[in-house]
Amino acid sequence: MGIVRRLLAEDVMKIAKAMLIQNHVFGLSHQETIDVELACLLLAYAEKVAKQEHDEGSRLLSLCDFLSSKTGSPVQRTIIMVKGIEDLNKDIFQTMSDEAVAVYSHVLLNHMLRKPVSLESLLRVLRDLNPCVMVIIEADANHNSPDFLCHFNDALLSYTAYFKCLEVCMDESVPNRLRMEDTYLSKQISNIVEMEGVERIFFWQSCW
């Protein structure tokens, strides 16, 4: 029986970084390679913090400090808390004119479609920050059919993919997997199948 290797988000980011360097037409300079490494580490750190894996997040930050010390640009950790997305603005982040900004968004936008003011405020702040790299993870799944059977089948196919993805990446006993399945996915499935109109939070909308 073969051994299945489960990839962490950090591993996936490393693979993406390697592909970027390999596929670059002229190759990356030493400085650009360090910048890409820093971006990958910071994005992986953001996910660890979101999942409350603080020990692993601290390890990633230590690597960031080590790499950034070679560039003369130390990494600064800042926690920003606001009551709502509408309260965000560029000045809160206190970025410098020559500072590189990276943005990581993990399935954040899909449940903001019912909050157009918040969504517009967030997009405006992102535009003002002018990030040099953005990673936005969203599911492109249209399960808005007015016919209940089609509606149900579309949702079934969509969330089957979610569960299979978790099965590949995490063991059944991993707390984060249990939390994801019980707290997030189950509520999303219930909302998609049972609710309509303004009570429907999770739905698909074309962006083009």
C-alpha atoms as a PDB file:
ATOM      1  CA  MET A   1       0.000   0.000   0.000  1.00  0.00           C
ATOM      2  CA  GLY A   2       1.457   3.329  -1.055  1.00  0.00           C
ATOM      3  CA  ILE A   3       2.169   6.184   1.322  1.00  0.00           C
ATOM      4  CA  VAL A   4       0.130   9.331   0.688  1.00  0.00           C
ATOM      5  CA  ARG A   5       2.048  12.510   1.404  1.00  0.00           C
ATOM      6  CA  ARG A   6      -0.156  15.320   2.672  1.00  0.00           C
ATOM      7  CA  LEU A   7       0.937  18.797   1.647  1.00  0.00           C
ATOM      8  CA  LEU A   8       0.696  21.730   4.020  1.00  0.00           C
ATOM      9  CA  ALA A   9      -0.056  25.234   2.773  1.00  0.00           C
ATOM     10  CA  GLU A  10       3.619  26.037   3.314  1.00  0.00           C
ATOM     11  CA  ASP A  11       4.602  23.173   0.992  1.00  0.00           C
ATOM     12  CA  VAL A  12       2.179  24.334  -1.690  1.00  0.00           C
ATOM     13  CA  MET A  13       3.616  27.858  -1.510  1.00  0.00           C
ATOM     14  CA  LYS A  14       7.149  26.475  -1.926  1.00  0.00           C
ATOM     15  CA  ILE A  15       6.083  24.563  -5.036  1.00  0.00           C
ATOM     16  CA  ALA A  16       4.417  27.683  -6.456  1.00  0.00           C
ATOM     17  CA  LYS A  17       7.578  29.696  -5.759  1.00  0.00           C
ATOM     18  CA  ALA A  18       9.761  27.120  -7.503  1.00  0.00           C
ATOM     19  CA  MET A  19       7.474  27.113 -10.543  1.00  0.00           C
ATOM     20  CA  LEU A  20       7.549  30.925 -10.687  1.00  0.00           C
ATOM     21  CA  ILE A  21      11.346  30.955 -10.685  1.00  0.00           C
ATOM     22  CA  GLN A  22      11.628  28.157 -13.245  1.00  0.00           C
ATOM     23  CA  ASN A  23       9.079  29.684 -15.618  1.00  0.00           C
ATOM     24  CA  HIS A  24      10.440  33.235 -15.461  1.00  0.00           C
ATOM     25  CA  VAL A  25      11.717  34.153 -18.932  1.00  0.00           C
ATOM     26  CA  PHE A  26      14.990  35.707 -17.782  1.00  0.00           C
ATOM     27  CA  GLY A  27      15.233  34.039 -14.389  1.00  0.00           C
ATOM     28  CA  LEU A  28      15.032  35.871 -11.074  1.00  0.00           C
ATOM     29  CA  SER A  29      17.846  37.875  -9.568  1.00  0.00           C
ATOM     30  CA  HIS A  30      19.150  37.044  -6.095  1.00  0.00           C
ATOM     31  CA  GLN A  31      17.174  39.952  -4.622  1.00  0.00           C
ATOM     32  CA  GLU A  32      13.984  38.919  -6.430  1.00  0.00           C
ATOM     33  CA  THR A  33      14.414  35.344  -5.207  1.00  0.00           C
ATOM     34  CA  ILE A  34      14.665  36.559  -1.597  1.00  0.00           C
ATOM     35  CA  ASP A  35      11.600  38.769  -2.114  1.00  0.00           C
ATOM     36  CA  VAL A  36       9.589  35.812  -3.405  1.00  0.00           C
ATOM     37  CA  GLU A  37      10.761  33.684  -0.468  1.00  0.00           C
ATOM     38  CA  LEU A  38       9.682  36.395   1.977  1.00  0.00           C
ATOM     39  CA  ALA A  39       6.274  36.741   0.320  1.00  0.00           C
ATOM     40  CA  CYS A  40       5.712  32.974   0.494  1.00  0.00           C
ATOM     41  CA  LEU A  41       6.677  32.843   4.169  1.00  0.00           C
ATOM     42  CA  LEU A  42       4.466  35.790   5.101  1.00  0.00           C
ATOM     43  CA  LEU A  43       1.467  34.336   3.273  1.00  0.00           C
ATOM     44  CA  ALA A  44       1.986  30.947   4.912  1.00  0.00           C
ATOM     45  CA  TYR A  45       2.323  32.708   8.289  1.00  0.00           C
ATOM     46  CA  ALA A  46      -0.995  34.501   7.743  1.00  0.00           C
ATOM     47  CA  GLU A  47      -2.739  31.176   7.225  1.00  0.00           C
ATOM     48  CA  LYS A  48      -1.134  29.659  10.328  1.00  0.00           C
ATOM     49  CA  VAL A  49      -2.355  32.574  12.459  1.00  0.00           C
ATOM     50  CA  ALA A  50      -5.853  32.288  10.987  1.00  0.00           C
ATOM     51  CA  LYS A  51      -5.889  28.621  12.031  1.00  0.00           C
ATOM     52  CA  GLN A  52      -4.406  29.462  15.458  1.00  0.00           C
ATOM     53  CA  GLU A  53      -1.258  27.438  14.748  1.00  0.00           C
ATOM     54  CA  HIS A  54       0.880  29.992  16.559  1.00  0.00           C
ATOM     55  CA  ASP A  55       3.977  27.824  17.134  1.00  0.00           C
ATOM     56  CA  GLU A  56       4.302  27.096  13.427  1.00  0.00           C
ATOM     57  CA  GLY A  57       3.557  30.741  12.657  1.00  0.00           C
ATOM     58  CA  SER A  58       6.376  31.844  14.967  1.00  0.00           C
ATOM     59  CA  ARG A  59       8.783  29.521  13.168  1.00  0.00           C
ATOM     60  CA  LEU A  60       7.843  31.062   9.824  1.00  0.00           C
ATOM     61  CA  LEU A  61       8.316  34.564  11.224  1.00  0.00           C
ATOM     62  CA  SER A  62      11.787  33.609  12.445  1.00  0.00           C
ATOM     63  CA  LEU A  63      12.654  32.591   8.890  1.00  0.00           C
ATOM     64  CA  CYS A  64      11.279  35.923   7.672  1.00  0.00           C
ATOM     65  CA  ASP A  65      13.513  37.775  10.130  1.00  0.00           C
ATOM     66  CA  PHE A  66      16.540  35.789   8.970  1.00  0.00           C
ATOM     67  CA  LEU A  67      15.911  36.465   5.273  1.00  0.00           C
ATOM     68  CA  SER A  68      14.937  40.101   5.710  1.00  0.00           C
ATOM     69  CA  SER A  69      18.080  40.796   7.767  1.00  0.00           C
ATOM     70  CA  LYS A  70      20.080  40.144   4.598  1.00  0.00           C
ATOM     71  CA  THR A  71      18.106  42.790   2.711  1.00  0.00           C
ATOM     72  CA  GLY A  72      18.261  45.473   5.381  1.00  0.00           C
ATOM     73  CA  SER A  73      14.444  45.512   5.566  1.00  0.00           C
ATOM     74  CA  PRO A  74      13.331  43.993   8.883  1.00  0.00           C
ATOM     75  CA  VAL A  75       9.895  42.399   9.159  1.00  0.00           C
ATOM     76  CA  GLN A  76       7.478  44.272  11.405  1.00  0.00           C
ATOM     77  CA  ARG A  77       4.530  42.452  12.990  1.00  0.00           C
ATOM     78  CA  THR A  78       1.447  44.597  13.457  1.00  0.00           C
ATOM     79  CA  ILE A  79      -2.039  43.467  14.500  1.00  0.00           C
ATOM     80  CA  ILE A  80      -4.890  45.672  13.304  1.00  0.00           C
ATOM     81  CA  MET A  81      -8.378  45.271  14.751  1.00  0.00           C
ATOM     82  CA  VAL A  82     -11.469  47.112  13.517  1.00  0.00           C
ATOM     83  CA  LYS A  83     -15.168  46.821  14.316  1.00  0.00           C
ATOM     84  CA  GLY A  84     -16.056  46.334  10.674  1.00  0.00           C
ATOM     85  CA  ILE A  85     -14.514  46.243   7.212  1.00  0.00           C
ATOM     86  CA  GLU A  86     -15.926  49.722   6.565  1.00  0.00           C
ATOM     87  CA  ASP A  87     -13.522  51.089   9.190  1.00  0.00           C
ATOM     88  CA  LEU A  88     -10.456  49.964   7.237  1.00  0.00           C
ATOM     89  CA  ASN A  89      -8.343  52.551   5.465  1.00  0.00           C
ATOM     90  CA  LYS A  90      -4.831  52.744   4.073  1.00  0.00           C
ATOM     91  CA  ASP A  91      -3.502  54.935   6.890  1.00  0.00           C
ATOM     92  CA  ILE A  92      -4.251  52.274   9.528  1.00  0.00           C
ATOM     93  CA  PHE A  93      -1.545  50.037   8.047  1.00  0.00           C
ATOM     94  CA  GLN A  94       1.123  52.775   8.314  1.00  0.00           C
ATOM     95  CA  THR A  95       3.002  51.563   5.247  1.00  0.00           C
ATOM     96  CA  MET A  96       6.036  53.449   3.957  1.00  0.00           C
ATOM     97  CA  SER A  97       6.333  54.690   0.398  1.00  0.00           C
ATOM     98  CA  ASP A  98       9.048  52.161  -0.492  1.00  0.00           C
ATOM     99  CA  GLU A  99       7.502  49.248   1.417  1.00  0.00           C
ATOM    100  CA  ALA A 100       6.440  46.090  -0.436  1.00  0.00           C
ATOM    101  CA  VAL A 101       2.908  44.982   0.425  1.00  0.00           C
ATOM    102  CA  ALA A 102       1.589  41.416   0.072  1.00  0.00           C
ATOM    103  CA  VAL A 103      -2.104  40.545   0.439  1.00  0.00           C
ATOM    104  CA  TYR A 104      -3.477  37.105   1.320  1.00  0.00           C
ATOM    105  CA  SER A 105      -7.241  36.523   1.205  1.00  0.00           C
ATOM    106  CA  HIS A 106      -8.603  33.052   1.905  1.00  0.00           C
ATOM    107  CA  VAL A 107     -12.325  32.622   1.045  1.00  0.00           C
ATOM    108  CA  LEU A 108     -13.101  36.039   2.510  1.00  0.00           C
ATOM    109  CA  LEU A 109     -14.888  37.711  -0.390  1.00  0.00           C
ATOM    110  CA  ASN A 110     -17.549  35.082  -1.126  1.00  0.00           C
ATOM    111  CA  HIS A 111     -19.653  35.895   1.939  1.00  0.00           C
ATOM    112  CA  MET A 112     -19.338  39.672   1.460  1.00  0.00           C
ATOM    113  CA  LEU A 113     -21.572  39.806  -1.614  1.00  0.00           C
ATOM    114  CA  ARG A 114     -24.537  40.600   0.636  1.00  0.00           C
ATOM    115  CA  LYS A 115     -22.537  43.474   2.106  1.00  0.00           C
ATOM    116  CA  PRO A 116     -21.712  45.667  -0.914  1.00  0.00           C
ATOM    117  CA  VAL A 117     -20.612  48.610   1.249  1.00  0.00           C
ATOM    118  CA  SER A 118     -18.083  46.446   3.103  1.00  0.00           C
ATOM    119  CA  LEU A 119     -16.887  44.827  -0.119  1.00  0.00           C
ATOM    120  CA  GLU A 120     -16.402  48.168  -1.858  1.00  0.00           C
ATOM    121  CA  SER A 121     -14.572  49.529   1.186  1.00  0.00           C
ATOM    122  CA  LEU A 122     -12.219  46.536   1.237  1.00  0.00           C
ATOM    123  CA  LEU A 123     -11.483  46.748  -2.485  1.00  0.00           C
ATOM    124  CA  ARG A 124     -10.801  50.476  -2.185  1.00  0.00           C
ATOM    125  CA  VAL A 125      -8.269  49.887   0.604  1.00  0.00           C
ATOM    126  CA  LEU A 126      -6.568  47.143  -1.425  1.00  0.00           C
ATOM    127  CA  ARG A 127      -6.342  49.467  -4.405  1.00  0.00           C
ATOM    128  CA  ASP A 128      -4.846  52.230  -2.245  1.00  0.00           C
ATOM    129  CA  LEU A 129      -2.275  49.849  -0.725  1.00  0.00           C
ATOM    130  CA  ASN A 130      -1.141  48.862  -4.239  1.00  0.00           C
ATOM    131  CA  PRO A 131       0.236  45.425  -3.246  1.00  0.00           C
ATOM    132  CA  CYS A 132       3.087  43.893  -5.235  1.00  0.00           C
ATOM    133  CA  VAL A 133       1.650  40.399  -4.791  1.00  0.00           C
ATOM    134  CA  MET A 134      -1.865  39.156  -4.019  1.00  0.00           C
ATOM    135  CA  VAL A 135      -3.106  35.649  -3.304  1.00  0.00           C
ATOM    136  CA  ILE A 136      -6.906  35.387  -3.426  1.00  0.00           C
ATOM    137  CA  ILE A 137      -8.478  31.990  -2.871  1.00  0.00           C
ATOM    138  CA  GLU A 138     -12.152  31.711  -3.794  1.00  0.00           C
ATOM    139  CA  ALA A 139     -14.315  28.878  -5.101  1.00  0.00           C
ATOM    140  CA  ASP A 140     -15.813  29.492  -8.544  1.00  0.00           C
ATOM    141  CA  ALA A 141     -18.957  27.366  -8.163  1.00  0.00           C
ATOM    142  CA  ASN A 142     -22.353  28.430  -9.480  1.00  0.00           C
ATOM    143  CA  HIS A 143     -25.086  26.812  -7.366  1.00  0.00           C
ATOM    144  CA  ASN A 144     -27.778  29.467  -7.851  1.00  0.00           C
ATOM    145  CA  SER A 145     -30.254  27.412  -9.916  1.00  0.00           C
ATOM    146  CA  PRO A 146     -33.918  28.182  -9.034  1.00  0.00           C
ATOM    147  CA  ASP A 147     -34.728  24.480  -9.517  1.00  0.00           C
ATOM    148  CA  PHE A 148     -34.193  22.772  -6.155  1.00  0.00           C
ATOM    149  CA  LEU A 149     -32.891  19.479  -7.568  1.00  0.00           C
ATOM    150  CA  CYS A 150     -30.298  21.242  -9.754  1.00  0.00           C
ATOM    151  CA  HIS A 151     -29.539  23.563  -6.876  1.00  0.00           C
ATOM    152  CA  PHE A 152     -28.943  20.603  -4.535  1.00  0.00           C
ATOM    153  CA  ASN A 153     -26.822  18.641  -7.022  1.00  0.00           C
ATOM    154  CA  ASP A 154     -24.629  21.662  -7.796  1.00  0.00           C
ATOM    155  CA  ALA A 155     -24.014  22.233  -4.084  1.00  0.00           C
ATOM    156  CA  LEU A 156     -23.308  18.514  -3.601  1.00  0.00           C
ATOM    157  CA  LEU A 157     -20.652  18.481  -6.331  1.00  0.00           C
ATOM    158  CA  SER A 158     -19.103  21.703  -5.079  1.00  0.00           C
ATOM    159  CA  TYR A 159     -18.756  20.637  -1.450  1.00  0.00           C
ATOM    160  CA  THR A 160     -17.691  17.109  -2.341  1.00  0.00           C
ATOM    161  CA  ALA A 161     -14.614  18.769  -3.842  1.00  0.00           C
ATOM    162  CA  TYR A 162     -14.043  20.628  -0.562  1.00  0.00           C
ATOM    163  CA  PHE A 163     -14.206  17.455   1.505  1.00  0.00           C
ATOM    164  CA  LYS A 164     -11.921  15.561  -0.880  1.00  0.00           C
ATOM    165  CA  CYS A 165      -9.412  18.407  -0.665  1.00  0.00           C
ATOM    166  CA  LEU A 166      -9.445  18.228   3.135  1.00  0.00           C
ATOM    167  CA  GLU A 167      -9.052  14.456   2.962  1.00  0.00           C
ATOM    168  CA  VAL A 168      -5.889  14.839   0.886  1.00  0.00           C
ATOM    169  CA  CYS A 169      -4.359  17.554   3.074  1.00  0.00           C
ATOM    170  CA  MET A 170      -5.350  16.467   6.595  1.00  0.00           C
ATOM    171  CA  ASP A 171      -5.927  13.315   8.632  1.00  0.00           C
ATOM    172  CA  GLU A 172      -9.389  12.770  10.099  1.00  0.00           C
ATOM    173  CA  SER A 173      -8.112  13.458  13.610  1.00  0.00           C
ATOM    174  CA  VAL A 174      -6.595  16.868  12.823  1.00  0.00           C
ATOM    175  CA  PRO A 175      -8.487  19.498  14.882  1.00  0.00           C
ATOM    176  CA  ASN A 176      -8.379  22.052  12.072  1.00  0.00           C
ATOM    177  CA  ARG A 177     -10.094  19.624   9.716  1.00  0.00           C
ATOM    178  CA  LEU A 178     -12.825  18.883  12.255  1.00  0.00           C
ATOM    179  CA  ARG A 179     -13.282  22.593  12.866  1.00  0.00           C
ATOM    180  CA  MET A 180     -13.458  23.333   9.147  1.00  0.00           C
ATOM    181  CA  GLU A 181     -16.022  20.600   8.489  1.00  0.00           C
ATOM    182  CA  ASP A 182     -18.208  21.239  11.524  1.00  0.00           C
ATOM    183  CA  THR A 183     -18.013  25.005  11.909  1.00  0.00           C
ATOM    184  CA  TYR A 184     -17.665  26.302   8.366  1.00  0.00           C
ATOM    185  CA  LEU A 185     -18.631  23.808   5.679  1.00  0.00           C
ATOM    186  CA  SER A 186     -21.715  22.447   7.445  1.00  0.00           C
ATOM    187  CA  LYS A 187     -23.112  25.959   7.950  1.00  0.00           C
ATOM    188  CA  GLN A 188     -22.383  26.905   4.357  1.00  0.00           C
ATOM    189  CA  ILE A 189     -24.144  23.797   3.056  1.00  0.00           C
ATOM    190  CA  SER A 190     -27.190  24.492   5.235  1.00  0.00           C
ATOM    191  CA  ASN A 191     -27.324  28.100   4.092  1.00  0.00           C
ATOM    192  CA  ILE A 192     -27.015  27.222   0.401  1.00  0.00           C
ATOM    193  CA  VAL A 193     -29.596  24.422   0.443  1.00  0.00           C
ATOM    194  CA  GLU A 194     -32.141  25.843   2.892  1.00  0.00           C
ATOM    195  CA  MET A 195     -32.099  29.614   2.463  1.00  0.00           C
ATOM    196  CA  GLU A 196     -33.238  31.943  -0.299  1.00  0.00           C
ATOM    197  CA  GLY A 197     -33.392  35.696  -0.840  1.00  0.00           C
ATOM    198  CA  VAL A 198     -31.606  37.966   1.603  1.00  0.00           C
ATOM    199  CA  GLU A 199     -31.112  35.069   4.046  1.00  0.00           C
ATOM    200  CA  ARG A 200     -28.861  33.363   1.509  1.00  0.00           C
ATOM    201  CA  ILE A 201     -25.316  34.439   2.400  1.00  0.00           C
ATOM    202  CA  PHE A 202     -23.271  32.107   0.207  1.00  0.00           C
ATOM    203  CA  PHE A 203     -24.038  32.411  -3.491  1.00  0.00           C
ATOM    204  CA  TRP A 204     -22.237  32.769  -6.803  1.00  0.00           C
ATOM    205  CA  GLN A 205     -21.934  36.021  -8.736  1.00  0.00           C
ATOM    206  CA  SER A 206     -20.083  36.721 -11.944  1.00  0.00           C
ATOM    207  CA  CYS A 207     -17.255  39.217 -11.580  1.00  0.00           C
ATOM    208  CA  TRP A 208     -16.926  39.932 -15.293  1.00  0.00           C
END
